[in-house]
Amino acid sequence: AKNNKNLQDSLTRLSSGKRITKPADDAGGLAVSMKLTASINRTRAAISNIQNSLSFGEVQDGALQAATRIVDRLAELKSLSLDVMKSTADISNYNTEFQALQQQLQSITAETFNGVSLFAGTTASGGSTTFGTDKNVVSVFTSDRGAAGSVVSLHKATLLAALTFNGSNAGSATTDAGATGGSNITLANASNMLSIGALGISFFTKALENIATLRAENGATMTRLQFAEDHLRLTSANLEAANSRIMDVDVASESTALAKYNILSQASAAMLAQANMSQSTALMLLG
């Protein structure tokens, strides 16, 4: 009976691939395995979240690239309009594209990724406009412990601020982007399109510098997220290895045990049959 039980246990382990097929096999090991399995599942979820954050950053950077090309084209149109050979009608034609591109810039600042805005919004208070408030920082949890673990702050690029300057210096763009005050003007204001003659070349130069800074910040954050993902993948692989040592069967040793218990079971049955025959022989002698 004991050999048959061991044989069945060995068959169950080999057929399931698990060393622990019921709590009685290793109660402590089963408890540790449950915690490891939960940690593995959380780590996989964190990896998925980081990948989504990387996708968010990629889309954001693509929009910033588009904004760069638009601002570059606006600067080119401004330069072309300064040609002494251009008539008033020619400048008006340039101005048509100039204002259309501003509308496209405004559309870019309002883009979303699965309903989440790509760029920081603005809040108005007392006639002033403030850019890049705390609500525009997204926290990406890069461990299986959630908020208790490591966090990477993913900033929504302040594109609108990068295109906004103090109105009194619009021609020279001497002030930093994101200045506060009721005199602010922006290239991305759909309700107040700026004419081609309202801005100086240096305005666009400063705007391009600001967008370049936003792209650099975006790239730095994505680099952090990629390193965090690599670390989580390494952690997940080692957690799975540790869990496997506890739960998974050693096929080589279990196959040897199966052969052993199979032979012992057959030998036990043969000896039992032989013992039963000896009783029959005794009865024959009595007869």
Protein backbone atom coordinates (compact mmCIF):
# COMPACT_ATOMS: atom_id res chain seq x y z
CA ALA A 1 0.00 0.00 0.00
CA LYS A 2 2.82 2.37 0.84
CA ASN A 3 4.59 1.66 -2.44
CA ASN A 4 1.36 2.17 -4.39
CA LYS A 5 0.80 5.52 -2.64
CA ASN A 6 4.31 6.71 -3.45
CA LEU A 7 3.84 5.56 -7.05
CA GLN A 8 0.61 7.54 -7.40
CA ASP A 9 2.20 10.63 -5.83
CA SER A 10 5.09 10.41 -8.27
CA LEU A 11 2.71 10.03 -11.22
CA THR A 12 0.73 13.06 -10.03
CA ARG A 13 3.87 15.22 -9.76
CA LEU A 14 5.10 14.24 -13.21
CA SER A 15 1.72 14.68 -14.87
CA SER A 16 1.13 18.12 -13.27
CA GLY A 17 4.73 19.33 -13.38
CA LYS A 18 4.41 20.48 -9.77
CA ARG A 19 6.39 19.29 -6.76
CA ILE A 20 3.65 20.50 -4.41
CA THR A 21 0.30 19.11 -5.55
CA LYS A 22 -1.45 19.54 -2.21
CA PRO A 23 -0.71 21.60 0.91
CA ALA A 24 0.42 18.55 2.88
CA ASP A 25 3.36 18.07 0.48
CA ASP A 26 5.09 21.25 1.72
CA ALA A 27 2.91 23.65 3.68
CA GLY A 28 5.65 26.24 4.25
CA GLY A 29 6.83 26.13 0.65
CA LEU A 30 3.28 26.59 -0.59
CA ALA A 31 2.87 29.73 1.54
CA VAL A 32 6.12 31.22 0.20
CA SER A 33 5.11 30.32 -3.36
CA MET A 34 1.80 32.13 -2.98
CA LYS A 35 3.59 35.33 -1.97
CA LEU A 36 6.11 34.97 -4.81
CA THR A 37 3.33 34.39 -7.33
CA ALA A 38 1.49 37.52 -6.18
CA SER A 39 4.70 39.55 -6.46
CA ILE A 40 5.35 38.19 -9.96
CA ASN A 41 1.85 39.17 -11.10
CA ARG A 42 2.25 42.69 -9.68
CA THR A 43 5.65 43.03 -11.36
CA ARG A 44 4.16 42.05 -14.71
CA ALA A 45 1.42 44.65 -14.23
CA ALA A 46 4.04 47.30 -13.41
CA ILE A 47 5.95 46.40 -16.59
CA SER A 48 2.76 46.81 -18.60
CA ASN A 49 2.13 50.20 -16.99
CA ILE A 50 5.65 51.36 -17.80
CA GLN A 51 5.24 50.27 -21.41
CA ASN A 52 2.02 52.30 -21.62
CA SER A 53 3.87 55.28 -20.14
CA LEU A 54 6.59 54.88 -22.76
CA SER A 55 3.92 54.87 -25.45
CA PHE A 56 2.49 58.06 -23.91
CA GLY A 57 5.94 59.64 -24.07
CA GLU A 58 6.47 58.55 -27.67
CA VAL A 59 3.18 60.12 -28.76
CA GLN A 60 4.00 63.27 -26.80
CA ASP A 61 7.41 63.52 -28.45
CA GLY A 62 5.84 63.01 -31.88
CA ALA A 63 3.51 65.93 -31.21
CA LEU A 64 6.47 68.04 -30.09
CA GLN A 65 8.28 67.19 -33.32
CA ALA A 66 5.24 68.32 -35.28
CA ALA A 67 5.13 71.56 -33.26
CA THR A 68 8.83 72.09 -34.02
CA ARG A 69 8.22 71.77 -37.76
CA ILE A 70 5.28 74.17 -37.56
CA VAL A 71 7.23 76.82 -35.63
CA ASP A 72 10.13 76.40 -38.03
CA ARG A 73 7.75 76.96 -40.95
CA LEU A 74 6.26 80.01 -39.22
CA ALA A 75 9.75 81.47 -38.90
CA GLU A 76 10.39 80.72 -42.56
CA LEU A 77 7.15 82.46 -43.57
CA LYS A 78 8.12 85.46 -41.43
CA SER A 79 11.50 85.65 -43.19
CA LEU A 80 9.89 85.38 -46.63
CA SER A 81 7.46 88.16 -45.78
CA LEU A 82 10.40 90.48 -45.12
CA ASP A 83 11.54 90.33 -48.73
CA VAL A 84 11.42 93.81 -50.29
CA MET A 85 10.19 92.27 -53.54
CA LYS A 86 6.98 91.00 -51.88
CA SER A 87 3.88 93.03 -52.44
CA THR A 88 1.13 93.57 -49.91
CA ALA A 89 -0.88 90.83 -51.63
CA ASP A 90 2.08 88.42 -51.38
CA ILE A 91 2.46 89.13 -47.67
CA SER A 92 -1.28 88.58 -47.21
CA ASN A 93 -0.93 85.17 -48.85
CA TYR A 94 1.91 84.28 -46.49
CA ASN A 95 -0.23 85.48 -43.60
CA THR A 96 -3.01 83.05 -44.62
CA GLU A 97 -0.71 80.06 -44.10
CA PHE A 98 0.80 81.73 -41.03
CA GLN A 99 -2.57 81.85 -39.28
CA ALA A 100 -3.62 78.38 -40.48
CA LEU A 101 -0.47 76.92 -38.91
CA GLN A 102 -1.30 78.62 -35.62
CA GLN A 103 -4.64 76.82 -35.65
CA GLN A 104 -2.80 73.53 -36.14
CA LEU A 105 -0.54 74.35 -33.20
CA GLN A 106 -3.62 74.92 -31.07
CA SER A 107 -4.97 71.53 -32.15
CA ILE A 108 -1.71 69.84 -31.12
CA THR A 109 -1.83 71.36 -27.62
CA ALA A 110 -5.28 69.78 -27.15
CA GLU A 111 -4.28 66.22 -28.19
CA THR A 112 -4.93 63.29 -25.89
CA PHE A 113 -3.71 59.71 -25.50
CA ASN A 114 -6.59 57.39 -24.57
CA GLY A 115 -8.41 60.37 -23.11
CA VAL A 116 -5.39 61.65 -21.12
CA SER A 117 -4.12 65.04 -22.27
CA LEU A 118 -0.59 64.99 -23.67
CA PHE A 119 0.20 68.53 -22.67
CA ALA A 120 -0.16 70.63 -19.55
CA GLY A 121 -3.23 72.80 -19.34
CA THR A 122 -3.61 76.29 -17.97
CA THR A 123 -5.51 77.74 -15.05
CA ALA A 124 -6.73 81.32 -15.05
CA SER A 125 -6.96 83.33 -11.84
CA GLY A 126 -7.42 87.07 -11.38
CA GLY A 127 -6.61 87.91 -14.98
CA SER A 128 -3.34 85.92 -14.87
CA THR A 129 -2.53 82.64 -16.57
CA THR A 130 -0.38 80.04 -14.85
CA PHE A 131 1.21 77.15 -16.72
CA GLY A 132 2.33 73.68 -15.65
CA THR A 133 0.52 73.15 -12.36
CA ASP A 134 1.03 70.03 -10.20
CA LYS A 135 -1.99 68.31 -11.76
CA ASN A 136 0.08 68.03 -14.93
CA VAL A 137 2.54 65.56 -13.38
CA VAL A 138 1.70 61.88 -13.81
CA SER A 139 3.24 59.40 -11.35
CA VAL A 140 4.45 56.11 -12.87
CA PHE A 141 5.00 53.40 -10.25
CA THR A 142 8.03 51.36 -11.23
CA SER A 143 7.90 48.53 -8.68
CA ASP A 144 5.47 45.87 -7.51
CA ARG A 145 4.85 47.86 -4.29
CA GLY A 146 2.88 50.65 -5.96
CA ALA A 147 3.07 54.04 -4.26
CA ALA A 148 5.31 52.57 -1.53
CA GLY A 149 8.00 51.77 -4.11
CA SER A 150 9.98 53.79 -6.65
CA VAL A 151 8.15 56.41 -8.71
CA VAL A 152 9.02 58.21 -11.96
CA SER A 153 7.26 61.54 -12.53
CA LEU A 154 6.05 61.82 -16.12
CA HIS A 155 5.49 65.48 -16.88
CA LYS A 156 2.95 66.55 -19.44
CA ALA A 157 4.98 68.85 -21.68
CA THR A 158 4.07 72.52 -21.19
CA LEU A 159 3.82 73.16 -24.93
CA LEU A 160 1.37 76.01 -24.52
CA ALA A 161 3.77 77.76 -22.16
CA ALA A 162 6.64 77.24 -24.58
CA LEU A 163 4.69 79.18 -27.21
CA THR A 164 3.58 81.96 -24.88
CA PHE A 165 5.44 85.22 -24.23
CA ASN A 166 4.90 88.57 -22.61
CA GLY A 167 2.95 90.70 -25.06
CA SER A 168 4.98 93.84 -24.45
CA ASN A 169 8.09 92.07 -25.76
CA ALA A 170 6.49 89.95 -28.47
CA GLY A 171 8.65 91.40 -31.19
CA SER A 172 11.91 90.51 -29.47
CA ALA A 173 10.92 87.51 -27.32
CA THR A 174 13.27 88.64 -24.58
CA THR A 175 11.18 87.13 -21.78
CA ASP A 176 10.99 83.48 -20.82
CA ALA A 177 8.12 81.32 -22.04
CA GLY A 178 5.41 80.78 -19.50
CA ALA A 179 5.42 84.30 -18.14
CA THR A 180 2.32 85.25 -16.18
CA GLY A 181 0.18 88.30 -16.67
CA GLY A 182 -2.80 89.50 -18.67
CA SER A 183 -0.56 90.69 -21.53
CA ASN A 184 0.55 87.19 -22.52
CA ILE A 185 0.23 86.24 -26.17
CA THR A 186 0.57 82.75 -27.62
CA LEU A 187 1.09 81.22 -31.02
CA ALA A 188 -1.56 78.61 -30.19
CA ASN A 189 -4.53 80.84 -29.42
CA ALA A 190 -7.28 79.86 -31.84
CA SER A 191 -9.48 82.78 -30.77
CA ASN A 192 -6.78 85.39 -31.43
CA MET A 193 -4.69 84.58 -34.49
CA LEU A 194 -1.49 86.64 -34.68
CA SER A 195 -0.62 88.29 -37.97
CA ILE A 196 2.68 87.67 -39.64
CA GLY A 197 3.84 91.19 -38.95
CA ALA A 198 3.14 91.07 -35.21
CA LEU A 199 6.17 88.98 -34.27
CA GLY A 200 9.90 89.19 -34.69
CA ILE A 201 12.23 86.37 -35.82
CA SER A 202 13.68 86.10 -32.32
CA PHE A 203 10.21 85.11 -31.06
CA PHE A 204 10.37 81.91 -33.08
CA THR A 205 13.98 81.28 -32.09
CA LYS A 206 13.01 81.37 -28.43
CA ALA A 207 9.95 79.17 -29.06
CA LEU A 208 12.14 76.55 -30.77
CA GLU A 209 14.55 76.61 -27.82
CA ASN A 210 11.66 76.07 -25.43
CA ILE A 211 10.31 73.11 -27.43
CA ALA A 212 13.82 71.63 -27.60
CA THR A 213 13.94 71.79 -23.79
CA LEU A 214 10.58 70.01 -23.58
CA ARG A 215 11.84 67.25 -25.87
CA ALA A 216 14.97 66.87 -23.76
CA GLU A 217 12.86 66.52 -20.60
CA ASN A 218 10.66 64.00 -22.38
CA GLY A 219 13.68 61.98 -23.49
CA ALA A 220 15.21 61.98 -20.00
CA THR A 221 11.99 60.66 -18.48
CA MET A 222 11.68 57.93 -21.11
CA THR A 223 15.27 56.86 -20.43
CA ARG A 224 14.42 56.46 -16.73
CA LEU A 225 11.34 54.43 -17.60
CA GLN A 226 13.33 52.14 -19.90
CA PHE A 227 15.89 51.44 -17.17
CA ALA A 228 13.05 50.82 -14.71
CA GLU A 229 11.47 48.35 -17.14
CA ASP A 230 14.78 46.49 -17.57
CA HIS A 231 15.14 46.21 -13.79
CA LEU A 232 11.57 44.91 -13.41
CA ARG A 233 12.13 42.29 -16.10
CA LEU A 234 15.27 41.09 -14.29
CA THR A 235 13.37 41.01 -11.00
CA SER A 236 10.47 39.11 -12.56
CA ALA A 237 12.79 36.49 -14.08
CA ASN A 238 14.50 35.84 -10.73
CA LEU A 239 11.21 35.72 -8.84
CA GLU A 240 9.95 33.12 -11.29
CA ALA A 241 13.16 31.13 -10.87
CA ALA A 242 12.81 31.18 -7.07
CA ASN A 243 9.16 30.16 -7.30
CA SER A 244 10.04 27.35 -9.70
CA ARG A 245 12.54 25.88 -7.24
CA ILE A 246 9.75 25.61 -4.69
CA MET A 247 6.81 24.52 -6.83
CA ASP A 248 8.10 22.81 -9.97
CA VAL A 249 9.03 19.14 -10.03
CA ASP A 250 12.56 17.94 -10.76
CA VAL A 251 11.70 15.72 -13.71
CA ALA A 252 14.98 13.75 -13.61
CA SER A 253 14.81 12.82 -9.94
CA GLU A 254 11.05 12.25 -10.02
CA SER A 255 11.37 9.95 -13.04
CA THR A 256 13.92 7.92 -11.08
CA ALA A 257 11.54 7.80 -8.12
CA LEU A 258 8.71 6.68 -10.43
CA ALA A 259 10.80 3.78 -11.71
CA LYS A 260 11.77 2.88 -8.15
CA TYR A 261 8.23 2.85 -6.80
CA ASN A 262 6.95 1.06 -9.88
CA ILE A 263 9.44 -1.78 -9.32
CA LEU A 264 8.74 -1.88 -5.59
CA SER A 265 4.99 -1.95 -6.18
CA GLN A 266 5.26 -4.79 -8.69
CA ALA A 267 7.68 -6.67 -6.42
CA SER A 268 5.33 -6.24 -3.45
CA ALA A 269 2.42 -7.56 -5.48
CA ALA A 270 4.48 -10.53 -6.64
CA MET A 271 5.54 -11.36 -3.09
CA LEU A 272 1.94 -11.07 -1.88
CA ALA A 273 0.86 -13.44 -4.60
CA GLN A 274 3.63 -15.82 -3.58
CA ALA A 275 2.51 -15.63 0.06
CA ASN A 276 -1.06 -16.43 -0.95
CA MET A 277 0.17 -19.47 -2.91
CA SER A 278 1.97 -20.80 0.16
CA GLN A 279 -1.36 -20.87 2.00
CA SER A 280 -2.92 -22.82 -0.87
CA THR A 281 -0.13 -25.36 -0.71
CA ALA A 282 -0.79 -25.91 2.98
CA LEU A 283 -4.47 -26.55 2.23
CA MET A 284 -3.53 -29.07 -0.46
CA LEU A 285 -1.43 -30.97 2.06
CA LEU A 286 -4.33 -31.04 4.50
CA GLY A 287 -6.60 -32.35 1.76
